[in-house]
C-alpha atoms as a PDB file:
ATOM      1  CA  MET A   1      47.253  76.800 -61.850  1.00  0.00           C
ATOM      2  CA  SER A   2      43.947  77.844 -60.278  1.00  0.00           C
ATOM      3  CA  THR A   3      40.725  77.560 -62.249  1.00  0.00           C
ATOM      4  CA  SER A   4      40.338  81.302 -62.648  1.00  0.00           C
ATOM      5  CA  SER A   5      43.869  81.616 -63.936  1.00  0.00           C
ATOM      6  CA  VAL A   6      43.376  78.669 -66.333  1.00  0.00           C
ATOM      7  CA  HIS A   7      40.296  80.390 -67.784  1.00  0.00           C
ATOM      8  CA  ASP A   8      42.014  83.794 -67.883  1.00  0.00           C
ATOM      9  CA  ASP A   9      45.113  82.365 -69.544  1.00  0.00           C
ATOM     10  CA  ALA A  10      43.397  80.010 -72.024  1.00  0.00           C
ATOM     11  CA  ILE A  11      42.032  80.738 -75.484  1.00  0.00           C
ATOM     12  CA  ILE A  12      38.251  80.601 -74.989  1.00  0.00           C
ATOM     13  CA  ILE A  13      36.153  80.173 -78.141  1.00  0.00           C
ATOM     14  CA  ASP A  14      32.405  79.847 -78.546  1.00  0.00           C
ATOM     15  CA  GLY A  15      31.626  78.199 -81.883  1.00  0.00           C
ATOM     16  CA  LEU A  16      28.068  79.543 -82.089  1.00  0.00           C
ATOM     17  CA  ILE A  17      26.338  82.596 -80.644  1.00  0.00           C
ATOM     18  CA  ILE A  18      23.052  83.894 -82.075  1.00  0.00           C
ATOM     19  CA  ALA A  19      22.457  86.542 -79.440  1.00  0.00           C
ATOM     20  CA  LYS A  20      21.044  90.037 -79.890  1.00  0.00           C
ATOM     21  CA  TRP A  21      23.759  92.236 -81.377  1.00  0.00           C
ATOM     22  CA  ASP A  22      24.403  95.154 -78.973  1.00  0.00           C
ATOM     23  CA  ARG A  23      26.955  96.618 -76.592  1.00  0.00           C
ATOM     24  CA  ALA A  24      25.522  94.616 -73.672  1.00  0.00           C
ATOM     25  CA  LEU A  25      26.453  91.407 -75.539  1.00  0.00           C
ATOM     26  CA  PHE A  26      30.030  92.613 -76.047  1.00  0.00           C
ATOM     27  CA  GLU A  27      30.312  93.614 -72.382  1.00  0.00           C
ATOM     28  CA  ASP A  28      29.145  90.159 -71.286  1.00  0.00           C
ATOM     29  CA  MET A  29      31.626  88.518 -73.686  1.00  0.00           C
ATOM     30  CA  ARG A  30      34.402  90.413 -71.931  1.00  0.00           C
ATOM     31  CA  LYS A  31      33.012  89.491 -68.516  1.00  0.00           C
ATOM     32  CA  GLY A  32      33.037  85.838 -69.550  1.00  0.00           C
ATOM     33  CA  GLY A  33      36.587  86.069 -70.874  1.00  0.00           C
ATOM     34  CA  LEU A  34      35.671  85.020 -74.426  1.00  0.00           C
ATOM     35  CA  THR A  35      38.618  85.233 -76.803  1.00  0.00           C
ATOM     36  CA  ALA A  36      36.484  84.752 -79.930  1.00  0.00           C
ATOM     37  CA  ALA A  37      33.031  83.668 -81.053  1.00  0.00           C
ATOM     38  CA  ASN A  38      31.272  82.654 -84.261  1.00  0.00           C
ATOM     39  CA  CYS A  39      28.341  85.083 -84.339  1.00  0.00           C
ATOM     40  CA  THR A  40      25.388  84.604 -86.680  1.00  0.00           C
ATOM     41  CA  VAL A  41      24.669  87.328 -89.230  1.00  0.00           C
ATOM     42  CA  SER A  42      22.382  85.368 -91.574  1.00  0.00           C
ATOM     43  CA  VAL A  43      19.726  82.646 -91.293  1.00  0.00           C
ATOM     44  CA  TRP A  44      16.785  83.253 -93.660  1.00  0.00           C
ATOM     45  CA  GLU A  45      18.117  86.457 -95.236  1.00  0.00           C
ATOM     46  CA  ASP A  46      18.994  86.818 -98.933  1.00  0.00           C
ATOM     47  CA  PHE A  47      22.244  88.357-100.251  1.00  0.00           C
ATOM     48  CA  GLU A  48      21.235  91.988 -99.895  1.00  0.00           C
ATOM     49  CA  SER A  49      19.644  91.651 -96.417  1.00  0.00           C
ATOM     50  CA  THR A  50      22.725  89.743 -95.215  1.00  0.00           C
ATOM     51  CA  VAL A  51      25.034  92.497 -96.463  1.00  0.00           C
ATOM     52  CA  ASP A  52      22.834  95.007 -94.580  1.00  0.00           C
ATOM     53  CA  ASN A  53      23.284  92.898 -91.436  1.00  0.00           C
ATOM     54  CA  ILE A  54      27.064  92.914 -91.892  1.00  0.00           C
ATOM     55  CA  VAL A  55      27.069  96.672 -92.421  1.00  0.00           C
ATOM     56  CA  ALA A  56      25.189  97.100 -89.123  1.00  0.00           C
ATOM     57  CA  VAL A  57      27.524  94.700 -87.264  1.00  0.00           C
ATOM     58  CA  ASN A  58      30.628  96.438 -88.640  1.00  0.00           C
ATOM     59  CA  GLN A  59      29.308  99.759 -87.340  1.00  0.00           C
ATOM     60  CA  LEU A  60      28.540  98.203 -83.940  1.00  0.00           C
ATOM     61  CA  MET A  61      32.069  96.749 -83.746  1.00  0.00           C
ATOM     62  CA  ARG A  62      33.580 100.127 -84.639  1.00  0.00           C
ATOM     63  CA  ASP A  63      31.475 101.802 -81.963  1.00  0.00           C
ATOM     64  CA  ASN A  64      32.722  99.295 -79.395  1.00  0.00           C
ATOM     65  CA  ALA A  65      36.290  98.826 -80.564  1.00  0.00           C
ATOM     66  CA  GLU A  66      37.598  98.783 -76.978  1.00  0.00           C
ATOM     67  CA  LEU A  67      35.648  95.530 -76.405  1.00  0.00           C
ATOM     68  CA  VAL A  68      35.723  93.621 -79.706  1.00  0.00           C
ATOM     69  CA  ARG A  69      37.661  93.230 -82.935  1.00  0.00           C
ATOM     70  CA  PRO A  70      36.833  91.515 -86.233  1.00  0.00           C
ATOM     71  CA  VAL A  71      38.379  88.101 -86.940  1.00  0.00           C
ATOM     72  CA  HIS A  72      39.468  87.088 -90.450  1.00  0.00           C
ATOM     73  CA  THR A  73      42.393  84.778 -89.489  1.00  0.00           C
ATOM     74  CA  THR A  74      43.553  82.789 -86.473  1.00  0.00           C
ATOM     75  CA  ARG A  75      46.209  85.479 -85.986  1.00  0.00           C
ATOM     76  CA  ASP A  76      43.314  87.844 -85.259  1.00  0.00           C
ATOM     77  CA  ILE A  77      42.154  85.435 -82.512  1.00  0.00           C
ATOM     78  CA  ALA A  78      45.655  85.614 -80.969  1.00  0.00           C
ATOM     79  CA  ARG A  79      45.578  89.407 -81.237  1.00  0.00           C
ATOM     80  CA  ALA A  80      42.186  89.552 -79.515  1.00  0.00           C
ATOM     81  CA  LYS A  81      43.650  87.594 -76.594  1.00  0.00           C
ATOM     82  CA  GLU A  82      46.692  89.936 -76.402  1.00  0.00           C
ATOM     83  CA  GLU A  83      44.469  93.021 -76.532  1.00  0.00           C
ATOM     84  CA  GLY A  84      41.959  91.818 -73.983  1.00  0.00           C
ATOM     85  CA  LYS A  85      39.151  91.911 -76.526  1.00  0.00           C
ATOM     86  CA  THR A  86      36.698  89.393 -77.956  1.00  0.00           C
ATOM     87  CA  GLY A  87      37.234  88.485 -81.617  1.00  0.00           C
ATOM     88  CA  ILE A  88      34.087  88.382 -83.720  1.00  0.00           C
ATOM     89  CA  ILE A  89      33.917  85.734 -86.474  1.00  0.00           C
ATOM     90  CA  LEU A  90      30.960  86.406 -88.770  1.00  0.00           C
ATOM     91  CA  GLY A  91      28.987  83.254 -89.466  1.00  0.00           C
ATOM     92  CA  PHE A  92      25.938  82.129 -91.426  1.00  0.00           C
ATOM     93  CA  GLN A  93      23.423  79.503 -90.280  1.00  0.00           C
ATOM     94  CA  ASN A  94      22.140  79.000 -93.821  1.00  0.00           C
ATOM     95  CA  ALA A  95      23.462  79.180 -97.384  1.00  0.00           C
ATOM     96  CA  TYR A  96      20.463  81.332 -98.435  1.00  0.00           C
ATOM     97  CA  ALA A  97      22.621  84.427 -98.765  1.00  0.00           C
ATOM     98  CA  PHE A  98      24.702  82.712-101.505  1.00  0.00           C
ATOM     99  CA  GLU A  99      21.486  82.514-103.544  1.00  0.00           C
ATOM    100  CA  ASP A 100      22.409  80.852-106.839  1.00  0.00           C
ATOM    101  CA  LYS A 101      25.677  82.735-107.301  1.00  0.00           C
ATOM    102  CA  LEU A 102      28.897  80.859-106.508  1.00  0.00           C
ATOM    103  CA  GLY A 103      30.807  84.127-106.747  1.00  0.00           C
ATOM    104  CA  TYR A 104      28.983  85.469-103.687  1.00  0.00           C
ATOM    105  CA  ILE A 105      30.875  82.980-101.530  1.00  0.00           C
ATOM    106  CA  GLU A 106      34.209  84.741-102.100  1.00  0.00           C
ATOM    107  CA  ILE A 107      32.520  88.133-101.637  1.00  0.00           C
ATOM    108  CA  PHE A 108      31.295  87.053 -98.183  1.00  0.00           C
ATOM    109  CA  LYS A 109      34.662  85.555 -97.299  1.00  0.00           C
ATOM    110  CA  LYS A 110      36.249  88.928 -98.025  1.00  0.00           C
ATOM    111  CA  LEU A 111      33.639  90.582 -95.794  1.00  0.00           C
ATOM    112  CA  GLY A 112      34.781  88.354 -92.917  1.00  0.00           C
ATOM    113  CA  VAL A 113      32.423  85.380 -93.047  1.00  0.00           C
ATOM    114  CA  GLY A 114      34.497  82.460 -91.788  1.00  0.00           C
ATOM    115  CA  ILE A 115      31.876  79.762 -91.183  1.00  0.00           C
ATOM    116  CA  THR A 116      28.664  78.846 -93.057  1.00  0.00           C
ATOM    117  CA  GLN A 117      26.114  76.245 -92.059  1.00  0.00           C
ATOM    118  CA  LEU A 118      24.876  74.813 -95.333  1.00  0.00           C
ATOM    119  CA  CYS A 119      21.201  74.406 -94.417  1.00  0.00           C
ATOM    120  CA  TYR A 120      18.968  75.659 -91.625  1.00  0.00           C
ATOM    121  CA  ASN A 121      16.484  72.892 -90.800  1.00  0.00           C
ATOM    122  CA  THR A 122      14.888  72.734 -94.291  1.00  0.00           C
ATOM    123  CA  GLN A 123      15.647  72.258 -97.958  1.00  0.00           C
ATOM    124  CA  ASN A 124      17.624  74.863 -99.893  1.00  0.00           C
ATOM    125  CA  LEU A 125      19.627  74.900-103.144  1.00  0.00           C
ATOM    126  CA  VAL A 126      22.551  73.101-101.474  1.00  0.00           C
ATOM    127  CA  GLY A 127      20.841  70.272 -99.672  1.00  0.00           C
ATOM    128  CA  THR A 128      18.403  69.348 -96.902  1.00  0.00           C
ATOM    129  CA  GLY A 129      18.064  70.438 -93.293  1.00  0.00           C
ATOM    130  CA  CYS A 130      17.309  68.123 -90.377  1.00  0.00           C
ATOM    131  CA  TYR A 131      13.516  68.737 -90.241  1.00  0.00           C
ATOM    132  CA  GLU A 132      12.490  67.205 -93.540  1.00  0.00           C
ATOM    133  CA  ARG A 133      13.080  64.216 -95.835  1.00  0.00           C
ATOM    134  CA  ASP A 134      16.723  64.362 -96.845  1.00  0.00           C
ATOM    135  CA  GLY A 135      17.459  64.420-100.580  1.00  0.00           C
ATOM    136  CA  GLY A 136      21.213  64.756-100.053  1.00  0.00           C
ATOM    137  CA  LEU A 137      23.728  67.198-101.447  1.00  0.00           C
ATOM    138  CA  SER A 138      22.694  68.752-104.781  1.00  0.00           C
ATOM    139  CA  GLY A 139      24.996  69.148-107.770  1.00  0.00           C
ATOM    140  CA  TYR A 140      25.052  72.906-107.128  1.00  0.00           C
ATOM    141  CA  GLY A 141      25.783  72.065-103.503  1.00  0.00           C
ATOM    142  CA  ARG A 142      28.933  70.208-104.567  1.00  0.00           C
ATOM    143  CA  GLU A 143      30.079  73.363-106.363  1.00  0.00           C
ATOM    144  CA  VAL A 144      29.341  75.421-103.236  1.00  0.00           C
ATOM    145  CA  ILE A 145      31.484  73.078-101.102  1.00  0.00           C
ATOM    146  CA  ALA A 146      34.345  73.274-103.621  1.00  0.00           C
ATOM    147  CA  GLU A 147      34.208  77.074-103.613  1.00  0.00           C
ATOM    148  CA  MET A 148      34.032  77.253 -99.804  1.00  0.00           C
ATOM    149  CA  ASN A 149      37.085  74.970 -99.682  1.00  0.00           C
ATOM    150  CA  ARG A 150      38.878  77.179-102.199  1.00  0.00           C
ATOM    151  CA  VAL A 151      38.284  80.486-100.427  1.00  0.00           C
ATOM    152  CA  GLY A 152      38.712  79.052 -96.916  1.00  0.00           C
ATOM    153  CA  MET A 153      35.218  79.140 -95.443  1.00  0.00           C
ATOM    154  CA  MET A 154      34.299  76.413 -92.953  1.00  0.00           C
ATOM    155  CA  CYS A 155      31.316  74.123 -93.666  1.00  0.00           C
ATOM    156  CA  ASP A 156      28.992  73.781 -90.646  1.00  0.00           C
ATOM    157  CA  LEU A 157      26.476  70.890 -90.567  1.00  0.00           C
ATOM    158  CA  SER A 158      24.689  71.431 -87.228  1.00  0.00           C
ATOM    159  CA  HIS A 159      21.136  71.912 -88.655  1.00  0.00           C
ATOM    160  CA  VAL A 160      21.809  69.819 -91.771  1.00  0.00           C
ATOM    161  CA  GLY A 161      20.108  66.487 -92.496  1.00  0.00           C
ATOM    162  CA  SER A 162      21.954  63.218 -91.931  1.00  0.00           C
ATOM    163  CA  LYS A 163      22.362  62.203 -95.588  1.00  0.00           C
ATOM    164  CA  THR A 164      23.342  65.708 -96.763  1.00  0.00           C
ATOM    165  CA  SER A 165      25.834  65.921 -93.879  1.00  0.00           C
ATOM    166  CA  GLU A 166      27.420  62.604 -94.773  1.00  0.00           C
ATOM    167  CA  GLU A 167      27.802  63.652 -98.413  1.00  0.00           C
ATOM    168  CA  ILE A 168      29.285  67.023 -97.462  1.00  0.00           C
ATOM    169  CA  ILE A 169      31.775  65.367 -95.111  1.00  0.00           C
ATOM    170  CA  LEU A 170      32.891  63.144 -97.997  1.00  0.00           C
ATOM    171  CA  GLU A 171      32.831  65.963-100.577  1.00  0.00           C
ATOM    172  CA  SER A 172      34.827  68.548 -98.630  1.00  0.00           C
ATOM    173  CA  SER A 173      38.604  68.594 -98.956  1.00  0.00           C
ATOM    174  CA  LYS A 174      38.825  70.669 -95.736  1.00  0.00           C
ATOM    175  CA  PRO A 175      37.648  69.751 -92.205  1.00  0.00           C
ATOM    176  CA  VAL A 176      33.936  70.389 -91.618  1.00  0.00           C
ATOM    177  CA  CYS A 177      32.076  70.808 -88.312  1.00  0.00           C
ATOM    178  CA  TYR A 178      28.958  70.447 -86.322  1.00  0.00           C
ATOM    179  CA  SER A 179      29.515  73.808 -84.631  1.00  0.00           C
ATOM    180  CA  HIS A 180      26.677  73.324 -82.104  1.00  0.00           C
ATOM    181  CA  CYS A 181      25.125  69.937 -81.498  1.00  0.00           C
ATOM    182  CA  LEU A 182      24.252  67.405 -78.802  1.00  0.00           C
ATOM    183  CA  PRO A 183      24.241  63.602 -78.787  1.00  0.00           C
ATOM    184  CA  SER A 184      21.043  61.642 -79.492  1.00  0.00           C
ATOM    185  CA  GLY A 185      22.653  58.997 -77.255  1.00  0.00           C
ATOM    186  CA  LEU A 186      21.581  61.157 -74.295  1.00  0.00           C
ATOM    187  CA  LYS A 187      18.313  62.485 -75.818  1.00  0.00           C
ATOM    188  CA  GLU A 188      16.506  61.691 -79.076  1.00  0.00           C
ATOM    189  CA  HIS A 189      15.808  64.850 -81.075  1.00  0.00           C
ATOM    190  CA  PRO A 190      15.951  65.676 -84.793  1.00  0.00           C
ATOM    191  CA  ARG A 191      18.717  68.234 -84.069  1.00  0.00           C
ATOM    192  CA  ASN A 192      20.873  65.780 -82.087  1.00  0.00           C
ATOM    193  CA  LYS A 193      23.555  63.614 -83.697  1.00  0.00           C
ATOM    194  CA  SER A 194      23.850  59.833 -83.341  1.00  0.00           C
ATOM    195  CA  ASP A 195      27.000  58.131 -82.089  1.00  0.00           C
ATOM    196  CA  GLU A 196      27.576  56.948 -85.666  1.00  0.00           C
ATOM    197  CA  GLU A 197      27.284  60.466 -87.108  1.00  0.00           C
ATOM    198  CA  LEU A 198      29.642  61.862 -84.469  1.00  0.00           C
ATOM    199  CA  LYS A 199      32.186  59.126 -85.165  1.00  0.00           C
ATOM    200  CA  PHE A 200      31.871  59.603 -88.931  1.00  0.00           C
ATOM    201  CA  ILE A 201      32.674  63.335 -88.897  1.00  0.00           C
ATOM    202  CA  ALA A 202      35.631  62.798 -86.521  1.00  0.00           C
ATOM    203  CA  ASP A 203      36.982  59.866 -88.567  1.00  0.00           C
ATOM    204  CA  HIS A 204      37.049  62.202 -91.595  1.00  0.00           C
ATOM    205  CA  GLY A 205      39.035  64.953 -89.864  1.00  0.00           C
ATOM    206  CA  GLY A 206      35.956  66.946 -88.774  1.00  0.00           C
ATOM    207  CA  PHE A 207      35.153  68.810 -85.583  1.00  0.00           C
ATOM    208  CA  VAL A 208      32.278  68.887 -83.081  1.00  0.00           C
ATOM    209  CA  GLY A 209      31.179  71.896 -81.048  1.00  0.00           C
ATOM    210  CA  VAL A 210      28.821  70.987 -78.203  1.00  0.00           C
ATOM    211  CA  THR A 211      25.765  73.092 -77.492  1.00  0.00           C
ATOM    212  CA  MET A 212      23.940  73.591 -74.197  1.00  0.00           C
ATOM    213  CA  PHE A 213      20.539  74.501 -75.726  1.00  0.00           C
ATOM    214  CA  THR A 214      18.260  72.975 -73.072  1.00  0.00           C
ATOM    215  CA  PRO A 215      15.463  71.720 -75.393  1.00  0.00           C
ATOM    216  CA  PHE A 216      18.067  69.277 -76.742  1.00  0.00           C
ATOM    217  CA  LEU A 217      19.631  68.356 -73.353  1.00  0.00           C
ATOM    218  CA  LYS A 218      18.553  65.256 -71.426  1.00  0.00           C
ATOM    219  CA  ALA A 219      17.462  67.272 -68.357  1.00  0.00           C
ATOM    220  CA  GLY A 220      15.736  69.963 -70.433  1.00  0.00           C
ATOM    221  CA  VAL A 221      15.013  73.225 -68.623  1.00  0.00           C
ATOM    222  CA  ASN A 222      16.231  71.677 -65.359  1.00  0.00           C
ATOM    223  CA  ALA A 223      19.748  71.229 -66.785  1.00  0.00           C
ATOM    224  CA  THR A 224      22.810  72.566 -65.008  1.00  0.00           C
ATOM    225  CA  VAL A 225      26.353  73.242 -66.192  1.00  0.00           C
ATOM    226  CA  GLU A 226      27.175  69.709 -64.984  1.00  0.00           C
ATOM    227  CA  ASP A 227      24.621  68.291 -67.463  1.00  0.00           C
ATOM    228  CA  TYR A 228      26.358  70.275 -70.161  1.00  0.00           C
ATOM    229  CA  VAL A 229      29.722  68.795 -69.107  1.00  0.00           C
ATOM    230  CA  GLU A 230      28.130  65.307 -69.231  1.00  0.00           C
ATOM    231  CA  ALA A 231      27.205  65.922 -72.903  1.00  0.00           C
ATOM    232  CA  ILE A 232      30.682  67.274 -73.714  1.00  0.00           C
ATOM    233  CA  VAL A 233      32.380  64.222 -72.163  1.00  0.00           C
ATOM    234  CA  TYR A 234      29.944  61.854 -73.866  1.00  0.00           C
ATOM    235  CA  ILE A 235      30.852  63.300 -77.277  1.00  0.00           C
ATOM    236  CA  MET A 236      34.567  63.526 -76.449  1.00  0.00           C
ATOM    237  CA  ASN A 237      34.580  59.787 -75.705  1.00  0.00           C
ATOM    238  CA  ILE A 238      33.384  59.223 -79.305  1.00  0.00           C
ATOM    239  CA  VAL A 239      35.328  61.874 -81.283  1.00  0.00           C
ATOM    240  CA  GLY A 240      38.470  62.154 -79.105  1.00  0.00           C
ATOM    241  CA  GLU A 241      40.000  65.076 -77.199  1.00  0.00           C
ATOM    242  CA  ASP A 242      41.333  66.827 -80.339  1.00  0.00           C
ATOM    243  CA  ALA A 243      38.054  67.061 -82.266  1.00  0.00           C
ATOM    244  CA  ILE A 244      35.827  68.710 -79.656  1.00  0.00           C
ATOM    245  CA  GLY A 245      34.999  72.215 -78.580  1.00  0.00           C
ATOM    246  CA  ILE A 246      32.249  74.548 -77.409  1.00  0.00           C
ATOM    247  CA  GLY A 247      29.353  75.962 -79.411  1.00  0.00           C
ATOM    248  CA  THR A 248      26.831  77.161 -76.852  1.00  0.00           C
ATOM    249  CA  ASP A 249      24.074  78.488 -79.165  1.00  0.00           C
ATOM    250  CA  PHE A 250      23.577  81.430 -76.777  1.00  0.00           C
ATOM    251  CA  THR A 251      20.436  83.376 -77.753  1.00  0.00           C
ATOM    252  CA  GLN A 252      20.974  86.055 -75.122  1.00  0.00           C
ATOM    253  CA  GLY A 253      18.760  89.131 -75.441  1.00  0.00           C
ATOM    254  CA  GLN A 254      16.453  87.701 -78.152  1.00  0.00           C
ATOM    255  CA  ASP A 255      12.680  88.076 -77.833  1.00  0.00           C
ATOM    256  CA  GLU A 256       9.732  85.846 -78.689  1.00  0.00           C
ATOM    257  CA  ALA A 257       9.346  87.378 -82.166  1.00  0.00           C
ATOM    258  CA  PHE A 258      12.907  86.284 -82.954  1.00  0.00           C
ATOM    259  CA  PHE A 259      12.194  82.656 -81.963  1.00  0.00           C
ATOM    260  CA  GLU A 260       8.982  82.715 -84.031  1.00  0.00           C
ATOM    261  CA  TRP A 261      11.032  83.887 -87.047  1.00  0.00           C
ATOM    262  CA  LEU A 262      13.675  81.219 -86.372  1.00  0.00           C
ATOM    263  CA  THR A 263      11.243  78.319 -85.992  1.00  0.00           C
ATOM    264  CA  HIS A 264       9.207  78.930 -89.171  1.00  0.00           C
ATOM    265  CA  ASP A 265      10.556  77.836 -92.539  1.00  0.00           C
ATOM    266  CA  LYS A 266      12.065  80.873 -94.327  1.00  0.00           C
ATOM    267  CA  GLY A 267      11.106  82.928 -91.285  1.00  0.00           C
ATOM    268  CA  TYR A 268       7.396  83.055 -92.077  1.00  0.00           C
ATOM    269  CA  ALA A 269       6.053  79.820 -93.607  1.00  0.00           C
ATOM    270  CA  ARG A 270       5.222  76.490 -91.891  1.00  0.00           C
ATOM    271  CA  ARG A 271       6.174  75.992 -88.243  1.00  0.00           C
ATOM    272  CA  LEU A 272       9.096  73.573 -87.878  1.00  0.00           C
ATOM    273  CA  THR A 273       9.325  73.164 -84.124  1.00  0.00           C
ATOM    274  CA  ARG A 274       8.312  74.610 -80.759  1.00  0.00           C
ATOM    275  CA  PHE A 275      11.201  75.066 -78.354  1.00  0.00           C
ATOM    276  CA  GLY A 276       9.006  75.756 -75.330  1.00  0.00           C
ATOM    277  CA  GLU A 277      10.743  77.603 -72.503  1.00  0.00           C
ATOM    278  CA  ILE A 278      14.244  78.794 -73.386  1.00  0.00           C
ATOM    279  CA  ILE A 279      16.412  78.835 -70.295  1.00  0.00           C
ATOM    280  CA  ASN A 280      20.119  78.030 -70.298  1.00  0.00           C
ATOM    281  CA  PRO A 281      21.659  75.519 -67.870  1.00  0.00           C
ATOM    282  CA  LYS A 282      22.006  76.698 -64.294  1.00  0.00           C
ATOM    283  CA  GLY A 283      25.567  77.971 -63.822  1.00  0.00           C
ATOM    284  CA  ILE A 284      25.951  79.191 -67.398  1.00  0.00           C
ATOM    285  CA  ARG A 285      22.776  81.193 -67.948  1.00  0.00           C
ATOM    286  CA  THR A 286      24.719  84.090 -69.497  1.00  0.00           C
ATOM    287  CA  ILE A 287      27.901  84.481 -71.525  1.00  0.00           C
ATOM    288  CA  GLY A 288      29.428  86.276 -68.530  1.00  0.00           C
ATOM    289  CA  GLU A 289      29.341  82.991 -66.635  1.00  0.00           C
ATOM    290  CA  PHE A 290      31.681  81.211 -69.069  1.00  0.00           C
ATOM    291  CA  PRO A 291      34.389  80.722 -66.360  1.00  0.00           C
ATOM    292  CA  ASN A 292      31.944  78.349 -64.624  1.00  0.00           C
ATOM    293  CA  LEU A 293      32.184  75.983 -67.585  1.00  0.00           C
ATOM    294  CA  THR A 294      35.982  75.816 -67.310  1.00  0.00           C
ATOM    295  CA  GLN A 295      35.551  75.145 -63.599  1.00  0.00           C
ATOM    296  CA  ALA A 296      32.960  72.428 -64.187  1.00  0.00           C
ATOM    297  CA  LEU A 297      35.186  70.624 -66.699  1.00  0.00           C
ATOM    298  CA  LEU A 298      38.100  70.668 -64.249  1.00  0.00           C
ATOM    299  CA  ASP A 299      35.800  69.578 -61.409  1.00  0.00           C
ATOM    300  CA  HIS A 300      34.714  66.649 -63.587  1.00  0.00           C
ATOM    301  CA  GLY A 301      38.309  65.448 -63.444  1.00  0.00           C
ATOM    302  CA  LEU A 302      39.534  66.465 -66.863  1.00  0.00           C
ATOM    303  CA  SER A 303      43.180  67.543 -67.042  1.00  0.00           C
ATOM    304  CA  GLU A 304      44.075  71.188 -67.597  1.00  0.00           C
ATOM    305  CA  SER A 305      45.549  70.405 -71.011  1.00  0.00           C
ATOM    306  CA  VAL A 306      42.335  68.696 -72.167  1.00  0.00           C
ATOM    307  CA  VAL A 307      40.192  71.529 -70.819  1.00  0.00           C
ATOM    308  CA  ARG A 308      42.308  74.059 -72.738  1.00  0.00           C
ATOM    309  CA  LYS A 309      41.746  72.018 -75.911  1.00  0.00           C
ATOM    310  CA  ILE A 310      37.987  71.907 -75.368  1.00  0.00           C
ATOM    311  CA  MET A 311      37.652  75.561 -74.437  1.00  0.00           C
ATOM    312  CA  GLY A 312      39.406  76.878 -77.525  1.00  0.00           C
ATOM    313  CA  GLU A 313      42.670  75.353 -78.738  1.00  0.00           C
ATOM    314  CA  ASN A 314      40.942  72.743 -80.895  1.00  0.00           C
ATOM    315  CA  TRP A 315      38.795  75.387 -82.570  1.00  0.00           C
ATOM    316  CA  VAL A 316      41.851  77.487 -83.415  1.00  0.00           C
ATOM    317  CA  ARG A 317      43.708  74.528 -84.944  1.00  0.00           C
ATOM    318  CA  THR A 318      40.655  73.467 -87.024  1.00  0.00           C
ATOM    319  CA  LEU A 319      39.947  76.995 -88.217  1.00  0.00           C
ATOM    320  CA  LYS A 320      43.555  77.397 -89.249  1.00  0.00           C
ATOM    321  CA  ASP A 321      43.289  74.171 -91.276  1.00  0.00           C
ATOM    322  CA  VAL A 322      40.294  75.599 -93.106  1.00  0.00           C
ATOM    323  CA  TRP A 323      41.220  79.295 -93.337  1.00  0.00           C
ATOM    324  CA  GLY A 324      44.846  78.603 -94.130  1.00  0.00           C
ATOM    325  CA  GLU A 325      46.106  81.318 -91.795  1.00  0.00           C
END
């Protein structure tokens, strides 16, 4: 089967997109042949502001129903493929929106939130992010994990501190993920995961989505899609071909004010990091260029069956394990 037909035929899933929500994004998702994506609707927002975000996204999806459809189950992902649409999984990059109410978790699940990252870089009521001293998973955090397991919401640990991540991996009765990460074995960075951390999550039934965010890639802003493939293969050699997928961290359409909000604690307080220039790897600068990633994986010598797993099949299987349907 030719590369284009492999990409066209396969289930293609992006485990993390935090792009600007608009029709142009949806059009590029269709151009790139995306079957489904985990799209961020909450980072620093509280319960009410997050609900407002979801209301706006629901309206946008209704207005563009010929391009996208909401995803609540893996059956919805299959339907998106059949309909030639992109399925939108609502996701959080922080547990802020849960506030101190365990009951909010089920409310958000019913609104379509399928994945929640427990911390975004800093301390919250659940545990600690990767940019400060890690106090581990709190007692309340253990209750949050139990409730997420119960309702079928996936735990994401990408921006979570090492100790808190380890304790969540052990605490959760369902598979957890790093939805978008890179290996510190190729570049040291607080956001990158060590070989030991990658092996630990995989050994406990977890999943790793690989990002292409250039500040965390070895070649930085000079990175190409081949450098992205190098990182994918590096992680696959640690976690195995069944525990790996894609989580680009596409920030398409976002402006400088957005990155300022993202890189300050709680959106306004102390600065946590400076990304510098944000430019995606050459060959996959936009979501519309997604077929180039499938091509690059095949060109690297990976078999078609392994490429299909990486590009989406593994995500579907893991999400079904967590969501239950």
